[in-house]
Amino acid sequence: MFKKYFSELGLGKIPPGGQLPLGLEKNATVFTSGDQIGLYGNILVECSPRNIIYDPQAQKTVREGGFPYPMKGGFAGGEALDLPAGKYEYKVYVDDTLVAVFPFEVK
C-alpha cells in the first residue's frame, strides 16, 4: 500500500528555533524537549494521511492527528512534541490501512 500512495515518507524533526522547510531534519529517530515532530513526503495519489503516536510499553495511543483535507505532491508538517521520555511509534494510515511505522525515542 505504501508504494501506491507515497514515493517518499519519513519522520522529521525541527529543533528549537527551526522553521519549515529549511529546519527540517529528515529521518529523525531521537527527539528532545522543545523539538517539533513531523511527517514529510511525496504523495502520488490524492489522500488524507492520518497518524497516531503509539506507546508500545503502555500499549496505547497517546496522540492522534492528520491532515484536514486531501493532498497530493510534496508536503511537510510539524507539531510540538510534549511527550515524556520513552520509546514510541509514529504510525501513518491512509483510510484505515496502516502504510508506515516509524519508531522514535524522546530523551
PDB file of N, CA and C in Angstrom:
ATOM      1  N   MET A   1       0.820  -1.196   0.000  1.00  0.00           N
ATOM      2  CA  MET A   1       0.000   0.000   0.000  1.00  0.00           C
ATOM      3  C   MET A   1       0.865   1.261   0.000  1.00  0.00           C
ATOM      4  N   PHE A   2       2.017   1.204   0.667  1.00  0.00           N
ATOM      5  CA  PHE A   2       2.881   2.380   0.742  1.00  0.00           C
ATOM      6  C   PHE A   2       3.196   2.919  -0.647  1.00  0.00           C
ATOM      7  N   LYS A   3       3.651   2.048  -1.539  1.00  0.00           N
ATOM      8  CA  LYS A   3       4.068   2.479  -2.879  1.00  0.00           C
ATOM      9  C   LYS A   3       2.908   2.984  -3.719  1.00  0.00           C
ATOM     10  N   LYS A   4       1.687   2.588  -3.370  1.00  0.00           N
ATOM     11  CA  LYS A   4       0.520   3.093  -4.094  1.00  0.00           C
ATOM     12  C   LYS A   4       0.309   4.573  -3.803  1.00  0.00           C
ATOM     13  N   TYR A   5       0.559   4.995  -2.569  1.00  0.00           N
ATOM     14  CA  TYR A   5       0.270   6.364  -2.153  1.00  0.00           C
ATOM     15  C   TYR A   5       1.486   7.284  -2.065  1.00  0.00           C
ATOM     16  N   PHE A   6       2.669   6.738  -1.788  1.00  0.00           N
ATOM     17  CA  PHE A   6       3.824   7.587  -1.498  1.00  0.00           C
ATOM     18  C   PHE A   6       5.064   7.173  -2.281  1.00  0.00           C
ATOM     19  N   SER A   7       5.834   8.164  -2.739  1.00  0.00           N
ATOM     20  CA  SER A   7       7.159   7.874  -3.276  1.00  0.00           C
ATOM     21  C   SER A   7       8.214   8.137  -2.208  1.00  0.00           C
ATOM     22  N   GLU A   8       7.854   8.928  -1.201  1.00  0.00           N
ATOM     23  CA  GLU A   8       8.728   9.207  -0.068  1.00  0.00           C
ATOM     24  C   GLU A   8       7.854   9.506   1.134  1.00  0.00           C
ATOM     25  N   LEU A   9       8.288   9.038   2.297  1.00  0.00           N
ATOM     26  CA  LEU A   9       7.572   9.320   3.531  1.00  0.00           C
ATOM     27  C   LEU A   9       8.553   9.110   4.674  1.00  0.00           C
ATOM     28  N   GLY A  10       8.592  10.058   5.596  1.00  0.00           N
ATOM     29  CA  GLY A  10       9.525   9.913   6.700  1.00  0.00           C
ATOM     30  C   GLY A  10       9.152  10.772   7.885  1.00  0.00           C
ATOM     31  N   LEU A  11       9.824  10.489   8.982  1.00  0.00           N
ATOM     32  CA  LEU A  11       9.639  11.234  10.213  1.00  0.00           C
ATOM     33  C   LEU A  11      10.752  12.268  10.299  1.00  0.00           C
ATOM     34  N   GLY A  12      10.370  13.492  10.610  1.00  0.00           N
ATOM     35  CA  GLY A  12      11.356  14.557  10.694  1.00  0.00           C
ATOM     36  C   GLY A  12      11.249  15.309  12.001  1.00  0.00           C
ATOM     37  N   LYS A  13      12.283  16.099  12.260  1.00  0.00           N
ATOM     38  CA  LYS A  13      12.263  16.915  13.461  1.00  0.00           C
ATOM     39  C   LYS A  13      12.722  18.316  13.111  1.00  0.00           C
ATOM     40  N   ILE A  14      12.163  19.258  13.845  1.00  0.00           N
ATOM     41  CA  ILE A  14      12.546  20.654  13.728  1.00  0.00           C
ATOM     42  C   ILE A  14      13.048  21.059  15.110  1.00  0.00           C
ATOM     43  N   PRO A  15      14.354  21.321  15.238  1.00  0.00           N
ATOM     44  CA  PRO A  15      14.899  21.706  16.540  1.00  0.00           C
ATOM     45  C   PRO A  15      14.350  23.060  16.995  1.00  0.00           C
ATOM     46  N   PRO A  16      14.473  23.379  18.283  1.00  0.00           N
ATOM     47  CA  PRO A  16      14.004  24.674  18.777  1.00  0.00           C
ATOM     48  C   PRO A  16      14.583  25.823  17.939  1.00  0.00           C
ATOM     49  N   GLY A  17      13.719  26.736  17.536  1.00  0.00           N
ATOM     50  CA  GLY A  17      14.136  27.869  16.723  1.00  0.00           C
ATOM     51  C   GLY A  17      14.129  27.599  15.234  1.00  0.00           C
ATOM     52  N   GLY A  18      13.980  26.345  14.829  1.00  0.00           N
ATOM     53  CA  GLY A  18      13.956  25.996  13.405  1.00  0.00           C
ATOM     54  C   GLY A  18      12.580  26.204  12.806  1.00  0.00           C
ATOM     55  N   GLN A  19      12.536  26.331  11.482  1.00  0.00           N
ATOM     56  CA  GLN A  19      11.274  26.515  10.769  1.00  0.00           C
ATOM     57  C   GLN A  19      11.246  25.630   9.532  1.00  0.00           C
ATOM     58  N   LEU A  20      10.022  25.271   9.118  1.00  0.00           N
ATOM     59  CA  LEU A  20       9.849  24.522   7.870  1.00  0.00           C
ATOM     60  C   LEU A  20      10.082  25.464   6.698  1.00  0.00           C
ATOM     61  N   PRO A  21      10.601  25.007   5.599  1.00  0.00           N
ATOM     62  CA  PRO A  21      11.119  23.660   5.351  1.00  0.00           C
ATOM     63  C   PRO A  21      12.610  23.512   5.647  1.00  0.00           C
ATOM     64  N   LEU A  22      13.335  24.620   5.758  1.00  0.00           N
ATOM     65  CA  LEU A  22      14.796  24.539   5.872  1.00  0.00           C
ATOM     66  C   LEU A  22      15.285  23.883   7.157  1.00  0.00           C
ATOM     67  N   GLY A  23      14.559  24.033   8.249  1.00  0.00           N
ATOM     68  CA  GLY A  23      14.997  23.473   9.519  1.00  0.00           C
ATOM     69  C   GLY A  23      14.667  22.007   9.716  1.00  0.00           C
ATOM     70  N   LEU A  24      13.999  21.391   8.760  1.00  0.00           N
ATOM     71  CA  LEU A  24      13.562  20.001   8.903  1.00  0.00           C
ATOM     72  C   LEU A  24      14.738  19.039   8.781  1.00  0.00           C
ATOM     73  N   GLU A  25      14.940  18.217   9.796  1.00  0.00           N
ATOM     74  CA  GLU A  25      15.929  17.144   9.751  1.00  0.00           C
ATOM     75  C   GLU A  25      15.195  15.860   9.399  1.00  0.00           C
ATOM     76  N   LYS A  26      15.489  15.309   8.233  1.00  0.00           N
ATOM     77  CA  LYS A  26      14.803  14.099   7.777  1.00  0.00           C
ATOM     78  C   LYS A  26      15.325  12.856   8.489  1.00  0.00           C
ATOM     79  N   ASN A  27      14.484  11.832   8.509  1.00  0.00           N
ATOM     80  CA  ASN A  27      14.813  10.520   9.073  1.00  0.00           C
ATOM     81  C   ASN A  27      15.209  10.596  10.546  1.00  0.00           C
ATOM     82  N   ALA A  28      14.537  11.428  11.288  1.00  0.00           N
ATOM     83  CA  ALA A  28      14.829  11.583  12.712  1.00  0.00           C
ATOM     84  C   ALA A  28      14.309  10.390  13.504  1.00  0.00           C
ATOM     85  N   THR A  29      15.078  10.003  14.521  1.00  0.00           N
ATOM     86  CA  THR A  29      14.653   8.915  15.403  1.00  0.00           C
ATOM     87  C   THR A  29      14.772   9.289  16.874  1.00  0.00           C
ATOM     88  N   VAL A  30      15.490  10.378  17.194  1.00  0.00           N
ATOM     89  CA  VAL A  30      15.674  10.798  18.579  1.00  0.00           C
ATOM     90  C   VAL A  30      15.261  12.261  18.718  1.00  0.00           C
ATOM     91  N   PHE A  31      14.412  12.527  19.706  1.00  0.00           N
ATOM     92  CA  PHE A  31      13.885  13.868  19.927  1.00  0.00           C
ATOM     93  C   PHE A  31      14.136  14.271  21.363  1.00  0.00           C
ATOM     94  N   THR A  32      14.183  15.587  21.600  1.00  0.00           N
ATOM     95  CA  THR A  32      14.326  16.109  22.948  1.00  0.00           C
ATOM     96  C   THR A  32      13.248  17.163  23.184  1.00  0.00           C
ATOM     97  N   SER A  33      13.107  17.568  24.419  1.00  0.00           N
ATOM     98  CA  SER A  33      12.127  18.596  24.772  1.00  0.00           C
ATOM     99  C   SER A  33      12.369  19.850  23.943  1.00  0.00           C
ATOM    100  N   GLY A  34      11.320  20.412  23.406  1.00  0.00           N
ATOM    101  CA  GLY A  34      11.426  21.616  22.587  1.00  0.00           C
ATOM    102  C   GLY A  34      11.459  21.336  21.104  1.00  0.00           C
ATOM    103  N   ASP A  35      11.746  20.094  20.705  1.00  0.00           N
ATOM    104  CA  ASP A  35      11.709  19.734  19.289  1.00  0.00           C
ATOM    105  C   ASP A  35      10.262  19.686  18.804  1.00  0.00           C
ATOM    106  N   GLN A  36      10.098  19.849  17.504  1.00  0.00           N
ATOM    107  CA  GLN A  36       8.815  19.567  16.864  1.00  0.00           C
ATOM    108  C   GLN A  36       8.980  18.267  16.092  1.00  0.00           C
ATOM    109  N   ILE A  37       7.938  17.457  16.080  1.00  0.00           N
ATOM    110  CA  ILE A  37       7.938  16.208  15.331  1.00  0.00           C
ATOM    111  C   ILE A  37       7.028  16.395  14.132  1.00  0.00           C
ATOM    112  N   GLY A  38       7.394  15.791  13.021  1.00  0.00           N
ATOM    113  CA  GLY A  38       6.551  15.963  11.851  1.00  0.00           C
ATOM    114  C   GLY A  38       6.752  14.885  10.815  1.00  0.00           C
ATOM    115  N   LEU A  39       5.868  14.912   9.874  1.00  0.00           N
ATOM    116  CA  LEU A  39       5.868  13.969   8.773  1.00  0.00           C
ATOM    117  C   LEU A  39       6.182  14.735   7.499  1.00  0.00           C
ATOM    118  N   TYR A  40       6.959  14.128   6.611  1.00  0.00           N
ATOM    119  CA  TYR A  40       7.247  14.741   5.311  1.00  0.00           C
ATOM    120  C   TYR A  40       7.157  13.657   4.254  1.00  0.00           C
ATOM    121  N   GLY A  41       6.981  14.053   3.019  1.00  0.00           N
ATOM    122  CA  GLY A  41       6.956  13.065   1.956  1.00  0.00           C
ATOM    123  C   GLY A  41       6.429  13.606   0.660  1.00  0.00           C
ATOM    124  N   ASN A  42       6.126  12.667  -0.232  1.00  0.00           N
ATOM    125  CA  ASN A  42       5.559  12.980  -1.529  1.00  0.00           C
ATOM    126  C   ASN A  42       4.403  12.016  -1.794  1.00  0.00           C
ATOM    127  N   ILE A  43       3.217  12.580  -1.971  1.00  0.00           N
ATOM    128  CA  ILE A  43       2.005  11.781  -2.170  1.00  0.00           C
ATOM    129  C   ILE A  43       1.731  11.626  -3.671  1.00  0.00           C
ATOM    130  N   LEU A  44       1.570  10.368  -4.104  1.00  0.00           N
ATOM    131  CA  LEU A  44       1.325  10.067  -5.510  1.00  0.00           C
ATOM    132  C   LEU A  44      -0.157  10.099  -5.873  1.00  0.00           C
ATOM    133  N   VAL A  45      -0.995   9.600  -4.987  1.00  0.00           N
ATOM    134  CA  VAL A  45      -2.441   9.530  -5.206  1.00  0.00           C
ATOM    135  C   VAL A  45      -3.109  10.364  -4.118  1.00  0.00           C
ATOM    136  N   GLU A  46      -3.956  11.292  -4.508  1.00  0.00           N
ATOM    137  CA  GLU A  46      -4.586  12.189  -3.533  1.00  0.00           C
ATOM    138  C   GLU A  46      -5.201  11.402  -2.376  1.00  0.00           C
ATOM    139  N   CYS A  47      -4.843  11.810  -1.158  1.00  0.00           N
ATOM    140  CA  CYS A  47      -5.355  11.152   0.036  1.00  0.00           C
ATOM    141  C   CYS A  47      -5.187  12.093   1.227  1.00  0.00           C
ATOM    142  N   SER A  48      -5.763  11.701   2.347  1.00  0.00           N
ATOM    143  CA  SER A  48      -5.648  12.454   3.600  1.00  0.00           C
ATOM    144  C   SER A  48      -4.965  11.569   4.641  1.00  0.00           C
ATOM    145  N   PRO A  49      -3.626  11.591   4.694  1.00  0.00           N
ATOM    146  CA  PRO A  49      -2.946  10.749   5.678  1.00  0.00           C
ATOM    147  C   PRO A  49      -3.315  11.157   7.104  1.00  0.00           C
ATOM    148  N   ARG A  50      -3.405  10.171   7.970  1.00  0.00           N
ATOM    149  CA  ARG A  50      -3.608  10.458   9.385  1.00  0.00           C
ATOM    150  C   ARG A  50      -2.551   9.692  10.158  1.00  0.00           C
ATOM    151  N   ASN A  51      -2.292  10.119  11.381  1.00  0.00           N
ATOM    152  CA  ASN A  51      -1.243   9.480  12.154  1.00  0.00           C
ATOM    153  C   ASN A  51      -1.672   9.299  13.598  1.00  0.00           C
ATOM    154  N   ILE A  52      -1.011   8.346  14.218  1.00  0.00           N
ATOM    155  CA  ILE A  52      -1.143   8.183  15.663  1.00  0.00           C
ATOM    156  C   ILE A  52       0.268   8.026  16.224  1.00  0.00           C
ATOM    157  N   ILE A  53       0.443   8.469  17.451  1.00  0.00           N
ATOM    158  CA  ILE A  53       1.661   8.178  18.187  1.00  0.00           C
ATOM    159  C   ILE A  53       1.270   7.136  19.223  1.00  0.00           C
ATOM    160  N   TYR A  54       1.963   6.024  19.153  1.00  0.00           N
ATOM    161  CA  TYR A  54       1.623   4.849  19.963  1.00  0.00           C
ATOM    162  C   TYR A  54       2.744   4.580  20.964  1.00  0.00           C
ATOM    163  N   ASP A  55       2.364   4.302  22.199  1.00  0.00           N
ATOM    164  CA  ASP A  55       3.306   3.939  23.250  1.00  0.00           C
ATOM    165  C   ASP A  55       3.272   2.417  23.379  1.00  0.00           C
ATOM    166  N   PRO A  56       4.282   1.716  22.840  1.00  0.00           N
ATOM    167  CA  PRO A  56       4.238   0.243  22.878  1.00  0.00           C
ATOM    168  C   PRO A  56       4.359  -0.339  24.282  1.00  0.00           C
ATOM    169  N   GLN A  57       5.021   0.363  25.203  1.00  0.00           N
ATOM    170  CA  GLN A  57       5.138  -0.151  26.566  1.00  0.00           C
ATOM    171  C   GLN A  57       3.780  -0.116  27.264  1.00  0.00           C
ATOM    172  N   ALA A  58       3.062   1.000  27.140  1.00  0.00           N
ATOM    173  CA  ALA A  58       1.733   1.116  27.752  1.00  0.00           C
ATOM    174  C   ALA A  58       0.653   0.479  26.882  1.00  0.00           C
ATOM    175  N   GLN A  59       1.007   0.142  25.645  1.00  0.00           N
ATOM    176  CA  GLN A  59       0.088  -0.435  24.668  1.00  0.00           C
ATOM    177  C   GLN A  59      -1.142   0.432  24.467  1.00  0.00           C
ATOM    178  N   LYS A  60      -0.872   1.749  24.198  1.00  0.00           N
ATOM    179  CA  LYS A  60      -1.991   2.654  23.952  1.00  0.00           C
ATOM    180  C   LYS A  60      -1.564   3.800  23.036  1.00  0.00           C
ATOM    181  N   THR A  61      -2.558   4.371  22.381  1.00  0.00           N
ATOM    182  CA  THR A  61      -2.357   5.544  21.551  1.00  0.00           C
ATOM    183  C   THR A  61      -2.293   6.763  22.457  1.00  0.00           C
ATOM    184  N   VAL A  62      -1.265   7.604  22.261  1.00  0.00           N
ATOM    185  CA  VAL A  62      -1.125   8.789  23.103  1.00  0.00           C
ATOM    186  C   VAL A  62      -1.459  10.082  22.346  1.00  0.00           C
ATOM    187  N   ARG A  63      -1.530  10.021  21.033  1.00  0.00           N
ATOM    188  CA  ARG A  63      -1.908  11.200  20.258  1.00  0.00           C
ATOM    189  C   ARG A  63      -2.391  10.764  18.875  1.00  0.00           C
ATOM    190  N   GLU A  64      -3.392  11.480  18.365  1.00  0.00           N
ATOM    191  CA  GLU A  64      -3.888  11.242  17.010  1.00  0.00           C
ATOM    192  C   GLU A  64      -3.906  12.551  16.259  1.00  0.00           C
ATOM    193  N   GLY A  65      -3.674  12.482  14.971  1.00  0.00           N
ATOM    194  CA  GLY A  65      -3.692  13.684  14.144  1.00  0.00           C
ATOM    195  C   GLY A  65      -3.829  13.323  12.683  1.00  0.00           C
ATOM    196  N   GLY A  66      -3.657  14.311  11.849  1.00  0.00           N
ATOM    197  CA  GLY A  66      -3.751  14.076  10.418  1.00  0.00           C
ATOM    198  C   GLY A  66      -3.941  15.376   9.673  1.00  0.00           C
ATOM    199  N   PHE A  67      -4.108  15.252   8.395  1.00  0.00           N
ATOM    200  CA  PHE A  67      -4.291  16.411   7.542  1.00  0.00           C
ATOM    201  C   PHE A  67      -5.776  16.602   7.282  1.00  0.00           C
ATOM    202  N   PRO A  68      -6.258  17.826   7.391  1.00  0.00           N
ATOM    203  CA  PRO A  68      -7.705  18.069   7.331  1.00  0.00           C
ATOM    204  C   PRO A  68      -8.314  18.007   5.930  1.00  0.00           C
ATOM    205  N   TYR A  69      -7.497  17.844   4.916  1.00  0.00           N
ATOM    206  CA  TYR A  69      -8.003  17.833   3.550  1.00  0.00           C
ATOM    207  C   TYR A  69      -7.128  16.912   2.700  1.00  0.00           C
ATOM    208  N   PRO A  70      -7.662  16.394   1.595  1.00  0.00           N
ATOM    209  CA  PRO A  70      -6.861  15.537   0.719  1.00  0.00           C
ATOM    210  C   PRO A  70      -5.701  16.321   0.107  1.00  0.00           C
ATOM    211  N   MET A  71      -4.566  15.642  -0.041  1.00  0.00           N
ATOM    212  CA  MET A  71      -3.371  16.275  -0.584  1.00  0.00           C
ATOM    213  C   MET A  71      -2.757  15.404  -1.671  1.00  0.00           C
ATOM    214  N   LYS A  72      -1.914  16.044  -2.490  1.00  0.00           N
ATOM    215  CA  LYS A  72      -1.116  15.344  -3.484  1.00  0.00           C
ATOM    216  C   LYS A  72       0.156  16.156  -3.676  1.00  0.00           C
ATOM    217  N   GLY A  73       1.276  15.492  -3.919  1.00  0.00           N
ATOM    218  CA  GLY A  73       2.547  16.174  -4.107  1.00  0.00           C
ATOM    219  C   GLY A  73       3.356  16.200  -2.829  1.00  0.00           C
ATOM    220  N   GLY A  74       4.373  17.059  -2.815  1.00  0.00           N
ATOM    221  CA  GLY A  74       5.261  17.146  -1.671  1.00  0.00           C
ATOM    222  C   GLY A  74       4.626  17.868  -0.497  1.00  0.00           C
ATOM    223  N   PHE A  75       4.968  17.446   0.703  1.00  0.00           N
ATOM    224  CA  PHE A  75       4.418  18.079   1.901  1.00  0.00           C
ATOM    225  C   PHE A  75       5.365  17.897   3.074  1.00  0.00           C
ATOM    226  N   ALA A  76       5.219  18.734   4.079  1.00  0.00           N
ATOM    227  CA  ALA A  76       5.908  18.595   5.359  1.00  0.00           C
ATOM    228  C   ALA A  76       5.084  19.334   6.404  1.00  0.00           C
ATOM    229  N   GLY A  77       5.008  18.788   7.577  1.00  0.00           N
ATOM    230  CA  GLY A  77       4.277  19.417   8.668  1.00  0.00           C
ATOM    231  C   GLY A  77       4.910  19.064   9.987  1.00  0.00           C
ATOM    232  N   GLY A  78       4.709  19.901  10.982  1.00  0.00           N
ATOM    233  CA  GLY A  78       5.282  19.640  12.284  1.00  0.00           C
ATOM    234  C   GLY A  78       4.371  20.102  13.399  1.00  0.00           C
ATOM    235  N   GLU A  79       4.573  19.544  14.571  1.00  0.00           N
ATOM    236  CA  GLU A  79       3.809  19.932  15.756  1.00  0.00           C
ATOM    237  C   GLU A  79       4.692  19.773  16.984  1.00  0.00           C
ATOM    238  N   ALA A  80       4.357  20.490  18.027  1.00  0.00           N
ATOM    239  CA  ALA A  80       5.124  20.421  19.274  1.00  0.00           C
ATOM    240  C   ALA A  80       5.134  18.998  19.812  1.00  0.00           C
ATOM    241  N   LEU A  81       6.262  18.626  20.361  1.00  0.00           N
ATOM    242  CA  LEU A  81       6.413  17.292  20.937  1.00  0.00           C
ATOM    243  C   LEU A  81       6.420  17.434  22.456  1.00  0.00           C
ATOM    244  N   ASP A  82       5.333  17.027  23.085  1.00  0.00           N
ATOM    245  CA  ASP A  82       5.208  17.180  24.530  1.00  0.00           C
ATOM    246  C   ASP A  82       4.986  15.828  25.212  1.00  0.00           C
ATOM    247  N   LEU A  83       5.806  14.873  24.840  1.00  0.00           N
ATOM    248  CA  LEU A  83       5.700  13.529  25.406  1.00  0.00           C
ATOM    249  C   LEU A  83       6.803  13.302  26.424  1.00  0.00           C
ATOM    250  N   PRO A  84       6.540  12.491  27.447  1.00  0.00           N
ATOM    251  CA  PRO A  84       7.600  12.151  28.392  1.00  0.00           C
ATOM    252  C   PRO A  84       8.662  11.272  27.721  1.00  0.00           C
ATOM    253  N   ALA A  85       9.833  11.191  28.334  1.00  0.00           N
ATOM    254  CA  ALA A  85      10.904  10.347  27.812  1.00  0.00           C
ATOM    255  C   ALA A  85      10.392   8.917  27.637  1.00  0.00           C
ATOM    256  N   GLY A  86      10.817   8.295  26.556  1.00  0.00           N
ATOM    257  CA  GLY A  86      10.405   6.924  26.285  1.00  0.00           C
ATOM    258  C   GLY A  86      10.512   6.593  24.815  1.00  0.00           C
ATOM    259  N   LYS A  87      10.109   5.373  24.478  1.00  0.00           N
ATOM    260  CA  LYS A  87      10.125   4.904  23.089  1.00  0.00           C
ATOM    261  C   LYS A  87       8.693   4.844  22.577  1.00  0.00           C
ATOM    262  N   TYR A  88       8.514   5.302  21.335  1.00  0.00           N
ATOM    263  CA  TYR A  88       7.185   5.413  20.733  1.00  0.00           C
ATOM    264  C   TYR A  88       7.223   4.945  19.283  1.00  0.00           C
ATOM    265  N   GLU A  89       6.047   4.853  18.690  1.00  0.00           N
ATOM    266  CA  GLU A  89       5.912   4.560  17.261  1.00  0.00           C
ATOM    267  C   GLU A  89       5.000   5.600  16.639  1.00  0.00           C
ATOM    268  N   TYR A  90       5.425   6.152  15.518  1.00  0.00           N
ATOM    269  CA  TYR A  90       4.627   7.101  14.745  1.00  0.00           C
ATOM    270  C   TYR A  90       4.039   6.309  13.588  1.00  0.00           C
ATOM    271  N   LYS A  91       2.733   6.056  13.640  1.00  0.00           N
ATOM    272  CA  LYS A  91       2.065   5.216  12.641  1.00  0.00           C
ATOM    273  C   LYS A  91       1.269   6.094  11.681  1.00  0.00           C
ATOM    274  N   VAL A  92       1.395   5.793  10.394  1.00  0.00           N
ATOM    275  CA  VAL A  92       0.715   6.572   9.353  1.00  0.00           C
ATOM    276  C   VAL A  92      -0.307   5.674   8.663  1.00  0.00           C
ATOM    277  N   TYR A  93      -1.522   6.207   8.531  1.00  0.00           N
ATOM    278  CA  TYR A  93      -2.629   5.487   7.900  1.00  0.00           C
ATOM    279  C   TYR A  93      -3.173   6.276   6.719  1.00  0.00           C
ATOM    280  N   VAL A  94      -3.662   5.549   5.720  1.00  0.00           N
ATOM    281  CA  VAL A  94      -4.491   6.125   4.669  1.00  0.00           C
ATOM    282  C   VAL A  94      -5.799   5.353   4.758  1.00  0.00           C
ATOM    283  N   ASP A  95      -6.879   6.077   4.972  1.00  0.00           N
ATOM    284  CA  ASP A  95      -8.159   5.462   5.329  1.00  0.00           C
ATOM    285  C   ASP A  95      -7.909   4.631   6.585  1.00  0.00           C
ATOM    286  N   ASP A  96      -8.208   3.362   6.568  1.00  0.00           N
ATOM    287  CA  ASP A  96      -7.963   2.523   7.739  1.00  0.00           C
ATOM    288  C   ASP A  96      -6.778   1.583   7.541  1.00  0.00           C
ATOM    289  N   THR A  97      -5.964   1.856   6.513  1.00  0.00           N
ATOM    290  CA  THR A  97      -4.835   0.990   6.193  1.00  0.00           C
ATOM    291  C   THR A  97      -3.532   1.573   6.725  1.00  0.00           C
ATOM    292  N   LEU A  98      -2.805   0.796   7.511  1.00  0.00           N
ATOM    293  CA  LEU A  98      -1.507   1.194   8.017  1.00  0.00           C
ATOM    294  C   LEU A  98      -0.505   1.143   6.866  1.00  0.00           C
ATOM    295  N   VAL A  99       0.172   2.275   6.600  1.00  0.00           N
ATOM    296  CA  VAL A  99       1.129   2.316   5.484  1.00  0.00           C
ATOM    297  C   VAL A  99       2.579   2.485   5.937  1.00  0.00           C
ATOM    298  N   ALA A 100       2.810   2.937   7.172  1.00  0.00           N
ATOM    299  CA  ALA A 100       4.186   3.099   7.648  1.00  0.00           C
ATOM    300  C   ALA A 100       4.214   3.178   9.169  1.00  0.00           C
ATOM    301  N   VAL A 101       5.323   2.694   9.744  1.00  0.00           N
ATOM    302  CA  VAL A 101       5.570   2.795  11.174  1.00  0.00           C
ATOM    303  C   VAL A 101       7.001   3.297  11.353  1.00  0.00           C
ATOM    304  N   PHE A 102       7.152   4.395  12.111  1.00  0.00           N
ATOM    305  CA  PHE A 102       8.457   4.980  12.374  1.00  0.00           C
ATOM    306  C   PHE A 102       8.727   4.962  13.879  1.00  0.00           C
ATOM    307  N   PRO A 103       9.591   4.054  14.355  1.00  0.00           N
ATOM    308  CA  PRO A 103       9.946   4.061  15.779  1.00  0.00           C
ATOM    309  C   PRO A 103      10.778   5.305  16.096  1.00  0.00           C
ATOM    310  N   PHE A 104      10.566   5.887  17.278  1.00  0.00           N
ATOM    311  CA  PHE A 104      11.367   7.022  17.699  1.00  0.00           C
ATOM    312  C   PHE A 104      11.456   7.057  19.206  1.00  0.00           C
ATOM    313  N   GLU A 105      12.397   7.857  19.705  1.00  0.00           N
ATOM    314  CA  GLU A 105      12.629   7.955  21.134  1.00  0.00           C
ATOM    315  C   GLU A 105      12.636   9.427  21.552  1.00  0.00           C
ATOM    316  N   VAL A 106      12.077   9.679  22.718  1.00  0.00           N
ATOM    317  CA  VAL A 106      12.127  11.010  23.323  1.00  0.00           C
ATOM    318  C   VAL A 106      13.074  10.893  24.510  1.00  0.00           C
ATOM    319  N   LYS A 107      14.085  11.757  24.531  1.00  0.00           N
ATOM    320  CA  LYS A 107      15.076  11.743  25.636  1.00  0.00           C
ATOM    321  C   LYS A 107      14.887  12.941  26.522  1.00  0.00           C
TER     322      LYS A 107
END
